[in-house]
Amino acid sequence: MNVSRGGGVLLAARQPVAVYSLDLSSKGFNDLQFTDLLGVKCSLGQVSLYIFVVYIQPGACTDEFELLFDLLGNLPDLYNRRVIIIGDFNISDYDFTSSRASNCSRKSSILQNFLQFGEYQQYNNIGNINGRCLDLVISNFNCTVQKSADPMLKEDNHHPSLLITSTIRDNKLKHINTNNSQPKQWNFRKADFPSLYKSINDTDWSSLKNMHNVNTACSYLYDKINTAINSHVPKSSYRRNSNFPSWFTPVIIGKLKRKWKLLRKFRQTGNTETHDEFKIIRTEIKKDVKTAYSSYILNLESNIKSNPGKFWSHVNNLKNCNGIPSQMSYSNSLLTNPYDIVNAFAEHFCSNFNLNKGPTTIADAYSEDSFSNNIICPNISESDVLWALKKIKPNFTSGHDRIPAFLLCVEIVYHLTYL
């Protein structure tokens, strides 16, 4: 902290959180002239979190911002780690209501490039007395930012007191998974399809017609199909999906790994040639990422009609959304736990439906007494079922039953129609 110009940063942690200060002096951060920065690693059990507290002087030049985000973006210790960067960035024209970098200053553009490159997100949407957002909360995991109702100090109108909350789960089991304990799944890419289709076609389905309970008949159908699949489709263990963004090509990933090796080597040896090679490959990576991202977006836009799911998946990733909101208000209560949110949805929808038990057998469903209280499906023909099957994309993606769409073939149309 420089007393003559103000500023300074402070981070306090309570027991039993273990805090380890990060040595940033040897990583180029001493070249920052108008920035106060503190970096720590916090650990609690098997959970670790990297926290950076930042203060940038008002009027700092764009070179200061470029250097800061360049140094943060190239810290190898942060790869595949939970990171949160908080503090007063003093970007007065930053539009915290939009994720777009159009029509903004150079500083805002530098920030947006850092967020996009590192797959970070800015979570603070609370403006100050002038409607500006000077204090930013940048993280690569879900956070909830609220205005603190009980600030520790007298509040500055230009810097509202913030309450940042997040749920971080213990991930120690992710690192001890072995091939023996990893669940195996059907590998249809190595399946014996002629034998599989023949087995389904030769299956004795006569017992299905004698079943009048819908659930029993459906279970019988699944048992027969699963028996055929187990006989002709091998099982394989699948590796976890890459932690890199989907638009990162193998070339970019290879260069990133090369860059980290060069950085480690430079720190060990201090060789200037290694550092020069590191800077060259870092520049190449930035250009490659920009080009790859543009191509990825162009591909999304051109295929939005044929594959809208991929487009919305990208949108949800930008919003850091997994389908369940981070918080929800229900019955005058604020819910932040995913399990509580799901149960609240279930309770709400349950309260809007008739809980009277409906028909459980096919005969009961078509009885005259059931027409007054239940919705009955019209007669469905085999051609209707076949038309619906052809509408499903014949790819290897499967639902919760693990049966891919292309396996719903002509051989079982009749039985599906009966169900």
Protein backbone atom coordinates (compact mmCIF):
# COMPACT_ATOMS: atom_id res chain seq x y z
CA MET A 1 0.00 0.00 0.00
CA ASN A 2 1.25 3.48 -0.89
CA VAL A 3 0.07 5.96 1.73
CA SER A 4 0.56 8.96 -0.55
CA ARG A 5 -1.88 7.69 -3.18
CA GLY A 6 -4.19 5.53 -1.06
CA GLY A 7 -5.32 2.11 -2.15
CA GLY A 8 -4.02 -1.12 -0.70
CA VAL A 9 -5.63 -4.56 -0.41
CA LEU A 10 -6.39 -6.82 2.55
CA LEU A 11 -7.61 -10.40 2.79
CA ALA A 12 -8.72 -11.96 6.08
CA ALA A 13 -9.59 -15.63 6.62
CA ARG A 14 -10.92 -17.41 9.67
CA GLN A 15 -9.96 -20.78 11.09
CA PRO A 16 -9.79 -23.58 10.03
CA VAL A 17 -9.12 -22.25 6.51
CA ALA A 18 -5.41 -22.57 5.66
CA VAL A 19 -4.03 -19.61 3.70
CA TYR A 20 -0.80 -19.72 1.69
CA SER A 21 0.56 -16.51 0.16
CA LEU A 22 1.59 -16.74 -3.50
CA ASP A 23 5.00 -15.35 -4.40
CA LEU A 24 4.25 -13.09 -7.37
CA SER A 25 7.48 -11.09 -7.24
CA SER A 26 9.34 -13.43 -9.60
CA LYS A 27 6.55 -13.64 -12.16
CA GLY A 28 6.64 -10.10 -13.56
CA PHE A 29 4.05 -8.56 -11.26
CA ASN A 30 6.65 -6.13 -9.89
CA ASP A 31 6.42 -4.31 -13.22
CA LEU A 32 2.91 -3.13 -12.31
CA GLN A 33 3.25 0.53 -11.34
CA PHE A 34 -0.35 1.47 -10.52
CA THR A 35 -1.73 -1.78 -9.13
CA ASP A 36 -1.84 -3.38 -5.70
CA LEU A 37 -2.27 -7.14 -5.91
CA LEU A 38 -2.46 -9.93 -3.35
CA GLY A 39 -2.68 -13.61 -4.31
CA VAL A 40 -3.32 -16.51 -1.93
CA LYS A 41 -4.26 -20.16 -2.01
CA CYS A 42 -6.96 -21.12 0.52
CA SER A 43 -7.41 -24.76 1.49
CA LEU A 44 -10.00 -26.53 3.58
CA GLY A 45 -9.71 -30.31 3.54
CA GLN A 46 -9.54 -31.44 -0.08
CA VAL A 47 -10.97 -28.17 -1.41
CA SER A 48 -8.64 -25.41 -2.61
CA LEU A 49 -9.36 -21.94 -3.96
CA TYR A 50 -7.08 -19.28 -5.45
CA ILE A 51 -8.05 -15.72 -4.49
CA PHE A 52 -6.61 -12.50 -5.94
CA VAL A 53 -7.46 -9.10 -4.46
CA VAL A 54 -6.80 -6.16 -6.79
CA TYR A 55 -6.72 -2.38 -6.56
CA ILE A 56 -5.97 -0.35 -9.70
CA GLN A 57 -5.50 3.38 -9.39
CA PRO A 58 -7.99 5.66 -11.18
CA GLY A 59 -6.57 6.81 -14.49
CA ALA A 60 -4.15 3.89 -14.87
CA CYS A 61 -3.09 3.49 -18.50
CA THR A 62 -4.22 0.66 -20.75
CA ASP A 63 -0.71 -0.84 -20.69
CA GLU A 64 -1.21 -1.47 -16.97
CA PHE A 65 -4.41 -3.43 -17.64
CA GLU A 66 -2.81 -5.39 -20.49
CA LEU A 67 0.15 -6.36 -18.32
CA LEU A 68 -2.03 -7.34 -15.34
CA PHE A 69 -4.40 -9.59 -17.29
CA ASP A 70 -1.55 -11.01 -19.36
CA LEU A 71 0.31 -12.03 -16.20
CA LEU A 72 -2.83 -13.49 -14.58
CA GLY A 73 -3.74 -15.37 -17.76
CA ASN A 74 -0.33 -17.01 -17.95
CA LEU A 75 0.00 -18.26 -14.38
CA PRO A 76 0.38 -22.05 -14.82
CA ASP A 77 -0.65 -22.69 -11.20
CA LEU A 78 -4.19 -21.58 -12.06
CA TYR A 79 -4.81 -24.15 -14.79
CA ASN A 80 -7.84 -26.31 -13.95
CA ARG A 81 -8.17 -24.59 -10.55
CA ARG A 82 -10.94 -22.60 -8.91
CA VAL A 83 -10.02 -18.93 -9.16
CA ILE A 84 -11.74 -15.75 -8.00
CA ILE A 85 -10.40 -12.24 -8.69
CA ILE A 86 -12.03 -9.40 -6.77
CA GLY A 87 -11.28 -5.74 -6.24
CA ASP A 88 -11.53 -2.16 -7.45
CA PHE A 89 -10.61 -2.09 -11.14
CA ASN A 90 -11.72 1.51 -11.69
CA ILE A 91 -13.07 0.94 -15.22
CA SER A 92 -15.66 3.69 -15.12
CA ASP A 93 -17.33 2.86 -18.45
CA TYR A 94 -17.54 -0.90 -17.92
CA ASP A 95 -21.01 -2.14 -18.91
CA PHE A 96 -21.79 -4.72 -16.24
CA THR A 97 -25.24 -5.38 -17.77
CA SER A 98 -23.84 -6.89 -20.97
CA SER A 99 -21.20 -9.48 -21.84
CA ARG A 100 -20.45 -7.79 -25.17
CA ALA A 101 -17.36 -5.70 -25.73
CA SER A 102 -18.79 -3.51 -28.50
CA ASN A 103 -18.75 0.30 -28.21
CA CYS A 104 -16.57 0.25 -25.10
CA SER A 105 -13.19 1.59 -24.10
CA ARG A 106 -9.89 -0.17 -24.59
CA LYS A 107 -9.79 -1.12 -20.89
CA SER A 108 -13.21 -2.80 -21.07
CA SER A 109 -12.14 -4.60 -24.23
CA ILE A 110 -8.99 -5.91 -22.51
CA LEU A 111 -11.13 -7.17 -19.62
CA GLN A 112 -13.59 -8.90 -21.96
CA ASN A 113 -10.74 -10.60 -23.83
CA PHE A 114 -9.37 -11.91 -20.53
CA LEU A 115 -12.80 -13.23 -19.50
CA GLN A 116 -13.28 -14.95 -22.85
CA PHE A 117 -9.79 -16.42 -23.07
CA GLY A 118 -9.74 -17.81 -19.54
CA GLU A 119 -13.42 -18.84 -19.43
CA TYR A 120 -14.08 -16.46 -16.54
CA GLN A 121 -17.26 -14.57 -15.79
CA GLN A 122 -17.92 -11.24 -14.06
CA TYR A 123 -20.65 -11.72 -11.44
CA ASN A 124 -21.14 -8.30 -9.85
CA ASN A 125 -24.17 -6.48 -11.26
CA ILE A 126 -24.62 -4.01 -8.40
CA GLY A 127 -24.01 -0.42 -9.48
CA ASN A 128 -22.86 2.42 -7.26
CA ILE A 129 -24.50 5.80 -6.70
CA ASN A 130 -23.61 6.80 -10.26
CA GLY A 131 -24.84 3.55 -11.80
CA ARG A 132 -21.27 2.36 -12.40
CA CYS A 133 -19.59 -0.88 -11.37
CA LEU A 134 -16.03 -0.23 -10.27
CA ASP A 135 -15.69 -3.32 -8.05
CA LEU A 136 -15.62 -6.54 -10.06
CA VAL A 137 -16.02 -10.18 -9.04
CA ILE A 138 -14.35 -12.41 -11.63
CA SER A 139 -14.47 -16.17 -11.25
CA ASN A 140 -14.47 -19.45 -13.17
CA PHE A 141 -17.14 -20.99 -10.92
CA ASN A 142 -20.66 -19.98 -9.94
CA CYS A 143 -20.94 -17.07 -7.50
CA THR A 144 -23.81 -15.05 -6.12
CA VAL A 145 -23.15 -11.37 -5.43
CA GLN A 146 -25.54 -9.36 -3.26
CA LYS A 147 -25.46 -5.99 -1.58
CA SER A 148 -24.45 -6.51 2.02
CA ALA A 149 -27.17 -5.60 4.51
CA ASP A 150 -24.65 -5.33 7.36
CA PRO A 151 -21.36 -3.77 6.15
CA MET A 152 -18.38 -3.96 8.50
CA LEU A 153 -17.38 -0.33 7.84
CA LYS A 154 -19.13 2.84 6.82
CA GLU A 155 -20.15 2.32 3.23
CA ASP A 156 -18.69 4.37 0.39
CA ASN A 157 -21.41 5.36 -2.09
CA HIS A 158 -19.00 4.69 -4.94
CA HIS A 159 -18.15 1.21 -3.63
CA PRO A 160 -21.20 -0.64 -2.27
CA SER A 161 -20.47 -3.36 0.28
CA LEU A 162 -20.80 -6.77 -1.37
CA LEU A 163 -21.66 -10.22 -0.05
CA ILE A 164 -20.22 -12.99 -2.25
CA THR A 165 -21.43 -16.55 -1.72
CA SER A 166 -20.69 -19.82 -3.50
CA THR A 167 -21.07 -23.54 -2.90
CA ILE A 168 -17.86 -25.51 -3.47
CA ARG A 169 -18.06 -29.27 -3.18
CA ASP A 170 -15.30 -31.61 -2.05
CA ASN A 171 -13.78 -33.07 -5.19
CA LYS A 172 -11.26 -35.49 -3.72
CA LEU A 173 -12.96 -38.50 -5.35
CA LYS A 174 -12.28 -37.07 -8.79
CA HIS A 175 -8.57 -37.67 -8.41
CA ILE A 176 -8.65 -41.29 -7.19
CA ASN A 177 -10.86 -42.76 -9.89
CA THR A 178 -9.23 -45.85 -11.44
CA ASN A 179 -10.03 -47.93 -14.48
CA ASN A 180 -11.36 -50.69 -12.21
CA SER A 181 -13.83 -48.42 -10.40
CA GLN A 182 -14.81 -46.29 -13.39
CA PRO A 183 -18.24 -47.36 -14.69
CA LYS A 184 -18.19 -48.80 -18.18
CA GLN A 185 -20.70 -47.95 -20.89
CA TRP A 186 -21.76 -49.58 -24.13
CA ASN A 187 -19.42 -48.72 -26.99
CA PHE A 188 -21.69 -48.83 -30.03
CA ARG A 189 -18.81 -47.81 -32.30
CA LYS A 190 -17.46 -51.36 -31.87
CA ALA A 191 -20.83 -53.14 -31.95
CA ASP A 192 -21.67 -56.14 -34.16
CA PHE A 193 -24.73 -54.51 -35.73
CA PRO A 194 -25.82 -57.35 -38.06
CA SER A 195 -25.91 -59.77 -35.12
CA LEU A 196 -27.54 -57.15 -32.88
CA TYR A 197 -30.41 -56.45 -35.28
CA LYS A 198 -30.86 -60.18 -35.94
CA SER A 199 -31.01 -60.87 -32.21
CA ILE A 200 -33.70 -58.21 -31.72
CA ASN A 201 -35.66 -59.51 -34.71
CA ASP A 202 -35.48 -63.15 -33.46
CA THR A 203 -36.59 -62.26 -29.93
CA ASP A 204 -39.79 -63.90 -28.75
CA TRP A 205 -42.14 -60.99 -28.04
CA SER A 206 -45.29 -63.06 -27.58
CA SER A 207 -45.39 -62.53 -23.81
CA LEU A 208 -45.67 -58.77 -24.35
CA LYS A 209 -49.22 -59.10 -25.67
CA ASN A 210 -50.33 -60.87 -22.51
CA MET A 211 -49.19 -58.04 -20.26
CA HIS A 212 -51.89 -55.53 -19.33
CA ASN A 213 -49.82 -53.37 -16.99
CA VAL A 214 -48.03 -50.59 -18.85
CA ASN A 215 -45.04 -50.45 -16.50
CA THR A 216 -44.53 -54.22 -16.60
CA ALA A 217 -44.73 -54.26 -20.41
CA CYS A 218 -42.24 -51.39 -20.70
CA SER A 219 -39.78 -53.13 -18.34
CA TYR A 220 -40.14 -56.35 -20.37
CA LEU A 221 -39.29 -54.45 -23.58
CA TYR A 222 -36.21 -52.88 -22.00
CA ASP A 223 -35.03 -56.24 -20.61
CA LYS A 224 -35.18 -57.87 -24.05
CA ILE A 225 -33.38 -54.98 -25.77
CA ASN A 226 -30.71 -54.76 -23.05
CA THR A 227 -30.11 -58.53 -23.29
CA ALA A 228 -29.48 -58.21 -27.02
CA ILE A 229 -27.20 -55.21 -26.54
CA ASN A 230 -25.13 -56.91 -23.83
CA SER A 231 -24.55 -59.87 -26.17
CA HIS A 232 -23.32 -57.88 -29.19
CA VAL A 233 -22.04 -54.51 -27.89
CA PRO A 234 -18.79 -54.35 -25.89
CA LYS A 235 -18.37 -52.01 -22.94
CA SER A 236 -15.62 -49.44 -22.57
CA SER A 237 -14.46 -46.93 -19.99
CA TYR A 238 -14.63 -43.34 -21.15
CA ARG A 239 -12.27 -40.60 -20.11
CA ARG A 240 -13.62 -37.38 -18.70
CA ASN A 241 -14.36 -34.56 -21.11
CA SER A 242 -11.58 -32.04 -21.69
CA ASN A 243 -11.47 -29.05 -19.39
CA PHE A 244 -10.51 -26.84 -22.33
CA PRO A 245 -13.14 -24.75 -24.15
CA SER A 246 -14.88 -26.60 -26.95
CA TRP A 247 -13.33 -24.36 -29.63
CA PHE A 248 -9.76 -25.22 -28.57
CA THR A 249 -8.19 -27.33 -31.30
CA PRO A 250 -5.58 -30.06 -30.63
CA VAL A 251 -2.96 -27.67 -32.02
CA ILE A 252 -3.89 -24.97 -29.48
CA ILE A 253 -3.92 -27.46 -26.60
CA GLY A 254 -0.52 -28.75 -27.68
CA LYS A 255 0.88 -25.22 -27.78
CA LEU A 256 -0.55 -24.47 -24.33
CA LYS A 257 1.19 -27.49 -22.86
CA ARG A 258 4.39 -26.48 -24.63
CA LYS A 259 4.07 -22.94 -23.24
CA TRP A 260 3.72 -24.21 -19.66
CA LYS A 261 6.78 -26.43 -20.08
CA LEU A 262 8.80 -23.48 -21.37
CA LEU A 263 7.68 -21.32 -18.47
CA ARG A 264 8.70 -23.95 -15.92
CA LYS A 265 12.03 -24.42 -17.67
CA PHE A 266 12.69 -20.66 -17.68
CA ARG A 267 11.98 -20.40 -13.97
CA GLN A 268 14.41 -23.24 -13.26
CA THR A 269 17.24 -22.12 -15.56
CA GLY A 270 16.66 -18.41 -16.23
CA ASN A 271 17.62 -19.01 -19.88
CA THR A 272 16.66 -15.95 -21.99
CA GLU A 273 16.25 -18.05 -25.15
CA THR A 274 13.64 -20.15 -23.38
CA HIS A 275 11.83 -17.00 -22.31
CA ASP A 276 11.88 -15.63 -25.87
CA GLU A 277 10.43 -18.91 -27.17
CA PHE A 278 7.78 -18.73 -24.46
CA LYS A 279 6.73 -15.23 -25.55
CA ILE A 280 6.57 -16.28 -29.21
CA ILE A 281 4.35 -19.28 -28.55
CA ARG A 282 2.18 -17.20 -26.19
CA THR A 283 1.54 -14.72 -29.00
CA GLU A 284 0.74 -17.56 -31.40
CA ILE A 285 -1.75 -19.03 -28.93
CA LYS A 286 -3.63 -15.74 -28.60
CA LYS A 287 -3.96 -15.46 -32.37
CA ASP A 288 -4.97 -19.12 -32.74
CA VAL A 289 -7.59 -18.85 -29.99
CA LYS A 290 -9.11 -15.75 -31.58
CA THR A 291 -9.26 -17.47 -34.98
CA ALA A 292 -10.65 -20.72 -33.56
CA TYR A 293 -13.32 -18.91 -31.56
CA SER A 294 -14.44 -16.93 -34.64
CA SER A 295 -14.69 -20.13 -36.67
CA TYR A 296 -16.59 -21.82 -33.85
CA ILE A 297 -19.14 -18.99 -33.63
CA LEU A 298 -19.50 -18.92 -37.42
CA ASN A 299 -20.18 -22.67 -37.42
CA LEU A 300 -22.78 -22.26 -34.66
CA GLU A 301 -24.57 -19.53 -36.58
CA SER A 302 -24.56 -21.40 -39.89
CA ASN A 303 -25.90 -24.60 -38.28
CA ILE A 304 -28.35 -23.03 -35.87
CA LYS A 305 -31.31 -24.29 -37.89
CA SER A 306 -30.09 -27.88 -38.21
CA ASN A 307 -28.52 -28.14 -34.75
CA PRO A 308 -30.04 -25.58 -32.36
CA GLY A 309 -29.07 -27.68 -29.34
CA LYS A 310 -25.39 -26.90 -29.86
CA PHE A 311 -26.16 -23.18 -30.03
CA TRP A 312 -28.12 -23.19 -26.76
CA SER A 313 -25.44 -25.30 -25.11
CA HIS A 314 -22.95 -22.55 -25.96
CA VAL A 315 -25.32 -19.89 -24.62
CA ASN A 316 -25.71 -21.78 -21.35
CA ASN A 317 -21.94 -22.11 -21.06
CA LEU A 318 -21.57 -18.35 -21.50
CA LYS A 319 -24.13 -17.83 -18.77
CA ASN A 320 -22.39 -20.50 -16.67
CA CYS A 321 -25.78 -22.16 -16.45
CA ASN A 322 -26.27 -25.88 -15.82
CA GLY A 323 -30.06 -25.87 -16.03
CA ILE A 324 -30.64 -25.22 -12.32
CA PRO A 325 -30.62 -21.54 -11.23
CA SER A 326 -28.07 -20.55 -8.60
CA GLN A 327 -30.83 -19.08 -6.46
CA MET A 328 -34.62 -18.95 -6.43
CA SER A 329 -37.31 -17.29 -4.34
CA TYR A 330 -40.15 -19.57 -3.24
CA SER A 331 -42.74 -19.11 -0.48
CA ASN A 332 -41.00 -15.94 0.74
CA SER A 333 -37.72 -17.84 1.11
CA LEU A 334 -34.45 -17.47 -0.80
CA LEU A 335 -33.15 -20.90 -1.86
CA THR A 336 -29.50 -21.36 -2.86
CA ASN A 337 -29.02 -25.11 -2.44
CA PRO A 338 -29.65 -27.03 -5.71
CA TYR A 339 -31.52 -29.79 -3.86
CA ASP A 340 -33.83 -27.27 -2.19
CA ILE A 341 -34.48 -25.58 -5.55
CA VAL A 342 -35.37 -28.86 -7.26
CA ASN A 343 -37.67 -29.86 -4.40
CA ALA A 344 -39.34 -26.44 -4.53
CA PHE A 345 -40.10 -26.94 -8.24
CA ALA A 346 -41.53 -30.39 -7.47
CA GLU A 347 -43.67 -29.02 -4.65
CA HIS A 348 -45.00 -26.22 -6.83
CA PHE A 349 -45.96 -28.43 -9.76
CA CYS A 350 -47.38 -31.08 -7.46
CA SER A 351 -49.71 -28.52 -5.92
CA ASN A 352 -51.17 -27.71 -9.34
CA PHE A 353 -52.10 -31.24 -10.37
CA ASN A 354 -54.74 -33.71 -9.34
CA LEU A 355 -53.08 -36.38 -7.23
CA ASN A 356 -55.89 -38.91 -7.79
CA LYS A 357 -54.41 -42.16 -9.01
CA GLY A 358 -55.06 -42.76 -12.71
CA PRO A 359 -55.45 -46.06 -14.57
CA THR A 360 -52.57 -48.51 -14.26
CA THR A 361 -53.63 -51.04 -16.89
CA ILE A 362 -54.30 -50.69 -20.59
CA ALA A 363 -57.82 -52.06 -20.15
CA ASP A 364 -58.64 -49.51 -17.43
CA ALA A 365 -57.28 -46.67 -19.54
CA TYR A 366 -59.75 -47.45 -22.33
CA SER A 367 -62.75 -48.17 -20.11
CA GLU A 368 -65.78 -45.94 -20.43
CA ASP A 369 -65.51 -44.76 -16.81
CA SER A 370 -62.04 -43.37 -17.36
CA PHE A 371 -62.99 -40.96 -20.14
CA SER A 372 -64.53 -38.41 -17.79
CA ASN A 373 -61.48 -37.99 -15.52
CA ASN A 374 -58.45 -38.86 -17.67
CA ILE A 375 -56.95 -37.73 -20.94
CA ILE A 376 -56.90 -40.68 -23.34
CA CYS A 377 -54.51 -40.84 -26.30
CA PRO A 378 -56.12 -41.49 -29.71
CA ASN A 379 -55.36 -44.68 -31.60
CA ILE A 380 -51.74 -44.72 -32.73
CA SER A 381 -50.72 -46.70 -35.79
CA GLU A 382 -47.37 -48.24 -36.69
CA SER A 383 -46.92 -45.60 -39.39
CA ASP A 384 -47.29 -42.89 -36.71
CA VAL A 385 -44.59 -44.49 -34.57
CA LEU A 386 -42.32 -45.03 -37.56
CA TRP A 387 -42.75 -41.39 -38.60
CA ALA A 388 -41.81 -40.26 -35.07
CA LEU A 389 -38.73 -42.52 -35.03
CA LYS A 390 -37.51 -41.08 -38.32
CA LYS A 391 -37.71 -37.60 -36.82
CA ILE A 392 -35.09 -38.56 -34.22
CA LYS A 393 -31.51 -37.87 -35.30
CA PRO A 394 -29.75 -41.25 -35.86
CA ASN A 395 -26.63 -40.49 -33.80
CA PHE A 396 -24.79 -42.21 -30.97
CA THR A 397 -26.18 -39.88 -28.28
CA SER A 398 -28.34 -41.73 -25.79
CA GLY A 399 -30.83 -40.70 -23.14
CA HIS A 400 -31.16 -41.88 -19.56
CA ASP A 401 -31.88 -45.43 -20.77
CA ARG A 402 -28.47 -45.48 -22.57
CA ILE A 403 -30.09 -46.72 -25.81
CA PRO A 404 -29.13 -44.57 -28.83
CA ALA A 405 -31.79 -43.31 -31.19
CA PHE A 406 -30.68 -45.33 -34.22
CA LEU A 407 -31.39 -48.58 -32.35
CA LEU A 408 -35.11 -47.78 -32.27
CA CYS A 409 -35.39 -49.63 -35.53
CA VAL A 410 -38.17 -51.07 -37.66
CA GLU A 411 -37.94 -54.43 -35.84
CA ILE A 412 -39.55 -53.03 -32.67
CA VAL A 413 -42.03 -50.56 -34.22
CA TYR A 414 -44.92 -52.94 -33.67
CA HIS A 415 -44.05 -53.44 -30.01
CA LEU A 416 -43.61 -49.72 -29.42
CA THR A 417 -47.01 -49.15 -31.01
CA TYR A 418 -48.57 -51.68 -28.63
CA LEU A 419 -47.06 -49.87 -25.64
